[in-house]
Amino acid sequence: MYSRYEERTLGSIDQLSRLYRASTIELVRNLSARKLQDGRYLIPVEALPWCVVFDLGTELPLCREGKALCVKVGIEPQKLPAAVEIAIGFLVKMGDLEYYCLGSLVTGRRALTSCRLRTFSQPFDLWDFPKMIAIPEIKVVCEEKNVEKEPMIDVKVPIECVRVLDLSRILNMSTRQLIAITDLVAVMNNVKIRLYRDTLTYV
């Protein structure tokens, strides 16, 4: 249906294993980590093993003439466990430890609310995460969607949700990245995210 797309797995168990085994030198050299004042090493969001970041190829305003940046994204499998939530949206960096993801929250259950604000940090099923590693928080402003009913979804900047949450300043920013992130590493190797580049537009 659409000619240009990029498909990637949501996260990597191999990358997670390397993160657990990495020395401080390897964290800096291979993962572009930066040492913080408290002695921990901050991993950039692009190196988090439980997410995938797509480069959109150019810097794009989140809003243009009152319209929201939008792109079609496919998700496989279409049926997810009820407990799973996957955030997919446009990534905005507010600081070294703070990012926003503006888009959709895909759930394995029935969508319950039109707007959500939630934070993704360490996945729920990682109990022994290395204490020397710091990871950025990703605050998600999103519209809930059920993937079983919508295997290909329109991921767009949720302008009204952003305004309701009093975060309108973000709408003046731009992005060149789309992120998909999960809170359960147990599912990440089994989920594929497909970005349809031809469909980038404003709606």
C-alpha atoms as a PDB file:
ATOM      1  CA  MET A   1       0.000   0.000   0.000  1.00  0.00           C
ATOM      2  CA  TYR A   2       2.861   2.373   0.858  1.00  0.00           C
ATOM      3  CA  SER A   3       6.186   2.124  -0.916  1.00  0.00           C
ATOM      4  CA  ARG A   4       8.761   3.298   1.596  1.00  0.00           C
ATOM      5  CA  TYR A   5       8.954   1.777   5.043  1.00  0.00           C
ATOM      6  CA  GLU A   6      11.517   0.791   7.634  1.00  0.00           C
ATOM      7  CA  GLU A   7      10.871  -2.196   9.888  1.00  0.00           C
ATOM      8  CA  ARG A   8      12.718  -2.868  13.113  1.00  0.00           C
ATOM      9  CA  THR A   9      12.325  -5.030  16.203  1.00  0.00           C
ATOM     10  CA  LEU A  10      11.192  -3.276  19.368  1.00  0.00           C
ATOM     11  CA  GLY A  11      14.372  -3.539  21.419  1.00  0.00           C
ATOM     12  CA  SER A  12      17.128  -6.138  21.608  1.00  0.00           C
ATOM     13  CA  ILE A  13      17.893  -8.851  24.156  1.00  0.00           C
ATOM     14  CA  ASP A  14      21.484  -8.969  22.845  1.00  0.00           C
ATOM     15  CA  GLN A  15      21.878  -5.245  23.445  1.00  0.00           C
ATOM     16  CA  LEU A  16      20.424  -5.654  26.939  1.00  0.00           C
ATOM     17  CA  SER A  17      22.940  -8.413  27.718  1.00  0.00           C
ATOM     18  CA  ARG A  18      25.815  -6.216  26.491  1.00  0.00           C
ATOM     19  CA  LEU A  19      24.576  -3.383  28.686  1.00  0.00           C
ATOM     20  CA  TYR A  20      24.637  -5.622  31.769  1.00  0.00           C
ATOM     21  CA  ARG A  21      28.172  -6.857  30.996  1.00  0.00           C
ATOM     22  CA  ALA A  22      29.675  -3.533  29.903  1.00  0.00           C
ATOM     23  CA  SER A  23      32.625  -1.998  31.711  1.00  0.00           C
ATOM     24  CA  THR A  24      32.659   1.761  32.273  1.00  0.00           C
ATOM     25  CA  ILE A  25      35.044   2.122  29.332  1.00  0.00           C
ATOM     26  CA  GLU A  26      32.683   0.150  27.078  1.00  0.00           C
ATOM     27  CA  LEU A  27      29.718   2.248  28.248  1.00  0.00           C
ATOM     28  CA  VAL A  28      31.503   5.401  27.102  1.00  0.00           C
ATOM     29  CA  ARG A  29      33.115   4.011  23.960  1.00  0.00           C
ATOM     30  CA  ASN A  30      30.339   1.794  22.599  1.00  0.00           C
ATOM     31  CA  LEU A  31      27.156   3.342  24.008  1.00  0.00           C
ATOM     32  CA  SER A  32      28.132   7.031  24.131  1.00  0.00           C
ATOM     33  CA  ALA A  33      27.428   7.109  27.874  1.00  0.00           C
ATOM     34  CA  ARG A  34      28.374  10.211  29.855  1.00  0.00           C
ATOM     35  CA  LYS A  35      29.577  10.188  33.462  1.00  0.00           C
ATOM     36  CA  LEU A  36      27.331  12.141  35.840  1.00  0.00           C
ATOM     37  CA  GLN A  37      28.378  13.994  38.979  1.00  0.00           C
ATOM     38  CA  ASP A  38      26.985  11.192  41.154  1.00  0.00           C
ATOM     39  CA  GLY A  39      29.344   8.695  39.487  1.00  0.00           C
ATOM     40  CA  ARG A  40      26.713   6.937  37.374  1.00  0.00           C
ATOM     41  CA  TYR A  41      26.892   6.688  33.592  1.00  0.00           C
ATOM     42  CA  LEU A  42      23.997   8.161  31.610  1.00  0.00           C
ATOM     43  CA  ILE A  43      22.935   6.080  28.600  1.00  0.00           C
ATOM     44  CA  PRO A  44      21.444   8.103  25.708  1.00  0.00           C
ATOM     45  CA  VAL A  45      17.883   7.215  24.785  1.00  0.00           C
ATOM     46  CA  GLU A  46      18.994   5.822  21.401  1.00  0.00           C
ATOM     47  CA  ALA A  47      21.026   3.129  23.233  1.00  0.00           C
ATOM     48  CA  LEU A  48      18.220   1.876  25.497  1.00  0.00           C
ATOM     49  CA  PRO A  49      17.728  -1.843  24.729  1.00  0.00           C
ATOM     50  CA  TRP A  50      13.940  -1.769  25.247  1.00  0.00           C
ATOM     51  CA  CYS A  51      13.155   0.778  22.566  1.00  0.00           C
ATOM     52  CA  VAL A  52      13.781   1.591  18.923  1.00  0.00           C
ATOM     53  CA  VAL A  53      14.450   5.074  17.586  1.00  0.00           C
ATOM     54  CA  PHE A  54      13.826   5.953  13.928  1.00  0.00           C
ATOM     55  CA  ASP A  55      15.598   8.929  12.353  1.00  0.00           C
ATOM     56  CA  LEU A  56      13.084  10.858  10.238  1.00  0.00           C
ATOM     57  CA  GLY A  57      15.861  12.304   8.094  1.00  0.00           C
ATOM     58  CA  THR A  58      15.097  15.966   8.732  1.00  0.00           C
ATOM     59  CA  GLU A  59      14.029  18.279  11.540  1.00  0.00           C
ATOM     60  CA  LEU A  60      10.235  18.687  11.539  1.00  0.00           C
ATOM     61  CA  PRO A  61       8.038  21.090  13.555  1.00  0.00           C
ATOM     62  CA  LEU A  62       5.612  19.259  15.847  1.00  0.00           C
ATOM     63  CA  CYS A  63       2.876  21.617  14.663  1.00  0.00           C
ATOM     64  CA  ARG A  64       2.505  23.603  11.462  1.00  0.00           C
ATOM     65  CA  GLU A  65      -0.289  26.153  11.008  1.00  0.00           C
ATOM     66  CA  GLY A  66      -2.255  24.499  13.804  1.00  0.00           C
ATOM     67  CA  LYS A  67      -1.941  21.005  12.309  1.00  0.00           C
ATOM     68  CA  ALA A  68      -0.221  18.061  14.008  1.00  0.00           C
ATOM     69  CA  LEU A  69       2.736  16.087  12.661  1.00  0.00           C
ATOM     70  CA  CYS A  70       1.504  12.586  11.769  1.00  0.00           C
ATOM     71  CA  VAL A  71       2.860   9.324  10.357  1.00  0.00           C
ATOM     72  CA  LYS A  72       1.481   5.809   9.810  1.00  0.00           C
ATOM     73  CA  VAL A  73       3.068   3.024  11.864  1.00  0.00           C
ATOM     74  CA  GLY A  74       2.418  -0.708  11.598  1.00  0.00           C
ATOM     75  CA  ILE A  75       2.696  -3.083  14.574  1.00  0.00           C
ATOM     76  CA  GLU A  76       3.124  -6.875  14.586  1.00  0.00           C
ATOM     77  CA  PRO A  77       1.778  -8.994  16.112  1.00  0.00           C
ATOM     78  CA  GLN A  78      -1.627  -7.376  16.165  1.00  0.00           C
ATOM     79  CA  LYS A  79      -2.624  -9.154  19.398  1.00  0.00           C
ATOM     80  CA  LEU A  80      -0.613  -8.172  22.477  1.00  0.00           C
ATOM     81  CA  PRO A  81      -0.899  -9.459  26.070  1.00  0.00           C
ATOM     82  CA  ALA A  82      -3.330  -7.312  28.058  1.00  0.00           C
ATOM     83  CA  ALA A  83      -0.574  -6.037  30.372  1.00  0.00           C
ATOM     84  CA  VAL A  84       1.590  -4.671  27.557  1.00  0.00           C
ATOM     85  CA  GLU A  85       1.805  -0.969  26.775  1.00  0.00           C
ATOM     86  CA  ILE A  86       3.944   0.351  23.925  1.00  0.00           C
ATOM     87  CA  ALA A  87       4.440   4.073  23.460  1.00  0.00           C
ATOM     88  CA  ILE A  88       5.019   5.234  19.882  1.00  0.00           C
ATOM     89  CA  GLY A  89       5.543   8.894  19.170  1.00  0.00           C
ATOM     90  CA  PHE A  90       7.717  11.809  18.182  1.00  0.00           C
ATOM     91  CA  LEU A  91      10.700  12.268  20.494  1.00  0.00           C
ATOM     92  CA  VAL A  92      11.541  15.665  22.005  1.00  0.00           C
ATOM     93  CA  LYS A  93      14.573  16.196  24.227  1.00  0.00           C
ATOM     94  CA  MET A  94      13.997  18.608  27.121  1.00  0.00           C
ATOM     95  CA  GLY A  95      17.208  17.784  29.020  1.00  0.00           C
ATOM     96  CA  ASP A  96      19.798  15.029  29.477  1.00  0.00           C
ATOM     97  CA  LEU A  97      17.458  13.057  31.749  1.00  0.00           C
ATOM     98  CA  GLU A  98      14.093  14.204  30.390  1.00  0.00           C
ATOM     99  CA  TYR A  99      12.429  13.422  27.083  1.00  0.00           C
ATOM    100  CA  TYR A 100       8.868  13.634  25.809  1.00  0.00           C
ATOM    101  CA  CYS A 101       7.211  11.161  23.442  1.00  0.00           C
ATOM    102  CA  LEU A 102       4.142  12.634  21.735  1.00  0.00           C
ATOM    103  CA  GLY A 103       1.879  10.167  19.979  1.00  0.00           C
ATOM    104  CA  SER A 104       0.048   6.939  20.811  1.00  0.00           C
ATOM    105  CA  LEU A 105      -0.006   4.412  23.638  1.00  0.00           C
ATOM    106  CA  VAL A 106      -0.757   1.012  22.137  1.00  0.00           C
ATOM    107  CA  THR A 107      -2.284  -1.461  24.591  1.00  0.00           C
ATOM    108  CA  GLY A 108      -3.229  -5.114  24.556  1.00  0.00           C
ATOM    109  CA  ARG A 109      -6.488  -4.325  26.303  1.00  0.00           C
ATOM    110  CA  ARG A 110      -9.418  -2.119  25.407  1.00  0.00           C
ATOM    111  CA  ALA A 111      -8.448   1.551  25.156  1.00  0.00           C
ATOM    112  CA  LEU A 112      -9.838   3.238  28.276  1.00  0.00           C
ATOM    113  CA  THR A 113      -9.071   6.917  27.889  1.00  0.00           C
ATOM    114  CA  SER A 114      -8.411   9.409  25.112  1.00  0.00           C
ATOM    115  CA  CYS A 115      -5.446  11.114  26.820  1.00  0.00           C
ATOM    116  CA  ARG A 116      -2.711   9.707  29.003  1.00  0.00           C
ATOM    117  CA  LEU A 117       0.451  11.020  30.620  1.00  0.00           C
ATOM    118  CA  ARG A 118       2.785   8.323  31.870  1.00  0.00           C
ATOM    119  CA  THR A 119       6.501   7.865  32.313  1.00  0.00           C
ATOM    120  CA  PHE A 120       8.677   5.116  30.882  1.00  0.00           C
ATOM    121  CA  SER A 121      11.945   4.452  32.676  1.00  0.00           C
ATOM    122  CA  GLN A 122      13.238   1.041  33.775  1.00  0.00           C
ATOM    123  CA  PRO A 123      10.975  -1.808  32.550  1.00  0.00           C
ATOM    124  CA  PHE A 124       8.890  -3.548  35.213  1.00  0.00           C
ATOM    125  CA  ASP A 125      10.547  -6.935  34.668  1.00  0.00           C
ATOM    126  CA  LEU A 126      14.148  -5.744  35.243  1.00  0.00           C
ATOM    127  CA  TRP A 127      14.756  -6.151  38.959  1.00  0.00           C
ATOM    128  CA  ASP A 128      18.575  -6.208  38.977  1.00  0.00           C
ATOM    129  CA  PHE A 129      19.420  -3.284  36.701  1.00  0.00           C
ATOM    130  CA  PRO A 130      23.070  -2.143  37.159  1.00  0.00           C
ATOM    131  CA  LYS A 131      23.256   0.653  39.751  1.00  0.00           C
ATOM    132  CA  MET A 132      26.099   2.424  37.940  1.00  0.00           C
ATOM    133  CA  ILE A 133      23.854   3.105  34.924  1.00  0.00           C
ATOM    134  CA  ALA A 134      21.458   6.058  34.708  1.00  0.00           C
ATOM    135  CA  ILE A 135      18.726   6.150  32.092  1.00  0.00           C
ATOM    136  CA  PRO A 136      16.603   9.082  30.871  1.00  0.00           C
ATOM    137  CA  GLU A 137      12.921   9.294  31.740  1.00  0.00           C
ATOM    138  CA  ILE A 138      10.566   9.409  28.787  1.00  0.00           C
ATOM    139  CA  LYS A 139       7.301  11.173  29.551  1.00  0.00           C
ATOM    140  CA  VAL A 140       4.610  10.052  27.162  1.00  0.00           C
ATOM    141  CA  VAL A 141       1.687  12.293  26.187  1.00  0.00           C
ATOM    142  CA  CYS A 142      -0.543  10.036  24.162  1.00  0.00           C
ATOM    143  CA  GLU A 143      -3.857   8.831  22.875  1.00  0.00           C
ATOM    144  CA  GLU A 144      -4.629   5.229  23.824  1.00  0.00           C
ATOM    145  CA  LYS A 145      -5.184   2.762  20.993  1.00  0.00           C
ATOM    146  CA  ASN A 146      -5.880  -0.970  20.816  1.00  0.00           C
ATOM    147  CA  VAL A 147      -3.553  -2.613  18.292  1.00  0.00           C
ATOM    148  CA  GLU A 148      -5.902  -5.525  17.579  1.00  0.00           C
ATOM    149  CA  LYS A 149      -8.449  -3.125  16.077  1.00  0.00           C
ATOM    150  CA  GLU A 150      -5.869  -0.851  14.454  1.00  0.00           C
ATOM    151  CA  PRO A 151      -2.809  -2.810  13.210  1.00  0.00           C
ATOM    152  CA  MET A 152      -1.727   0.275  11.288  1.00  0.00           C
ATOM    153  CA  ILE A 153      -2.184   3.416  13.328  1.00  0.00           C
ATOM    154  CA  ASP A 154      -1.850   7.125  12.736  1.00  0.00           C
ATOM    155  CA  VAL A 155       0.748   8.325  15.211  1.00  0.00           C
ATOM    156  CA  LYS A 156       0.247  12.054  15.564  1.00  0.00           C
ATOM    157  CA  VAL A 157       1.118  14.788  18.011  1.00  0.00           C
ATOM    158  CA  PRO A 158      -1.909  14.846  20.395  1.00  0.00           C
ATOM    159  CA  ILE A 159      -2.349  18.620  20.418  1.00  0.00           C
ATOM    160  CA  GLU A 160      -5.434  18.683  22.647  1.00  0.00           C
ATOM    161  CA  CYS A 161      -3.886  16.285  25.184  1.00  0.00           C
ATOM    162  CA  VAL A 162      -0.773  18.450  25.360  1.00  0.00           C
ATOM    163  CA  ARG A 163      -2.886  21.556  25.984  1.00  0.00           C
ATOM    164  CA  VAL A 164      -5.061  19.879  28.628  1.00  0.00           C
ATOM    165  CA  LEU A 165      -1.899  18.864  30.497  1.00  0.00           C
ATOM    166  CA  ASP A 166      -0.603  22.459  30.346  1.00  0.00           C
ATOM    167  CA  LEU A 167       2.429  21.495  28.245  1.00  0.00           C
ATOM    168  CA  SER A 168       1.696  23.737  25.263  1.00  0.00           C
ATOM    169  CA  ARG A 169       5.285  25.042  25.165  1.00  0.00           C
ATOM    170  CA  ILE A 170       6.311  21.701  23.663  1.00  0.00           C
ATOM    171  CA  LEU A 171       4.181  22.350  20.582  1.00  0.00           C
ATOM    172  CA  ASN A 172       6.629  25.073  19.519  1.00  0.00           C
ATOM    173  CA  MET A 173       9.466  22.550  19.298  1.00  0.00           C
ATOM    174  CA  SER A 174      10.615  20.259  16.497  1.00  0.00           C
ATOM    175  CA  THR A 175      11.822  16.677  16.163  1.00  0.00           C
ATOM    176  CA  ARG A 176      13.702  14.394  13.803  1.00  0.00           C
ATOM    177  CA  GLN A 177      13.053  11.129  15.660  1.00  0.00           C
ATOM    178  CA  LEU A 178      10.214   8.703  16.267  1.00  0.00           C
ATOM    179  CA  ILE A 179      10.498   6.350  19.242  1.00  0.00           C
ATOM    180  CA  ALA A 180       8.736   3.107  20.173  1.00  0.00           C
ATOM    181  CA  ILE A 181       9.326   1.947  23.755  1.00  0.00           C
ATOM    182  CA  THR A 182       7.966  -0.831  25.970  1.00  0.00           C
ATOM    183  CA  ASP A 183       7.814  -1.370  29.725  1.00  0.00           C
ATOM    184  CA  LEU A 184       8.265  -5.165  29.493  1.00  0.00           C
ATOM    185  CA  VAL A 185      11.508  -6.541  28.047  1.00  0.00           C
ATOM    186  CA  ALA A 186       9.848  -9.962  27.836  1.00  0.00           C
ATOM    187  CA  VAL A 187       7.930  -8.868  24.722  1.00  0.00           C
ATOM    188  CA  MET A 188      10.400  -6.636  22.929  1.00  0.00           C
ATOM    189  CA  ASN A 189      12.016  -9.272  20.692  1.00  0.00           C
ATOM    190  CA  ASN A 190       8.562 -10.435  19.560  1.00  0.00           C
ATOM    191  CA  VAL A 191       7.209  -7.059  18.404  1.00  0.00           C
ATOM    192  CA  LYS A 192       8.003  -5.393  15.078  1.00  0.00           C
ATOM    193  CA  ILE A 193       7.492  -1.711  14.386  1.00  0.00           C
ATOM    194  CA  ARG A 194       7.115  -0.572  10.783  1.00  0.00           C
ATOM    195  CA  LEU A 195       7.463   3.137   9.944  1.00  0.00           C
ATOM    196  CA  TYR A 196       5.860   4.260   6.660  1.00  0.00           C
ATOM    197  CA  ARG A 197       8.002   7.236   5.681  1.00  0.00           C
ATOM    198  CA  ASP A 198       5.831   8.220   2.700  1.00  0.00           C
ATOM    199  CA  THR A 199       3.005   9.123   5.074  1.00  0.00           C
ATOM    200  CA  LEU A 200       4.732  11.893   7.067  1.00  0.00           C
ATOM    201  CA  THR A 201       2.322  14.809   6.914  1.00  0.00           C
ATOM    202  CA  TYR A 202       0.344  17.349   8.970  1.00  0.00           C
ATOM    203  CA  VAL A 203      -3.287  16.698   9.835  1.00  0.00           C
END
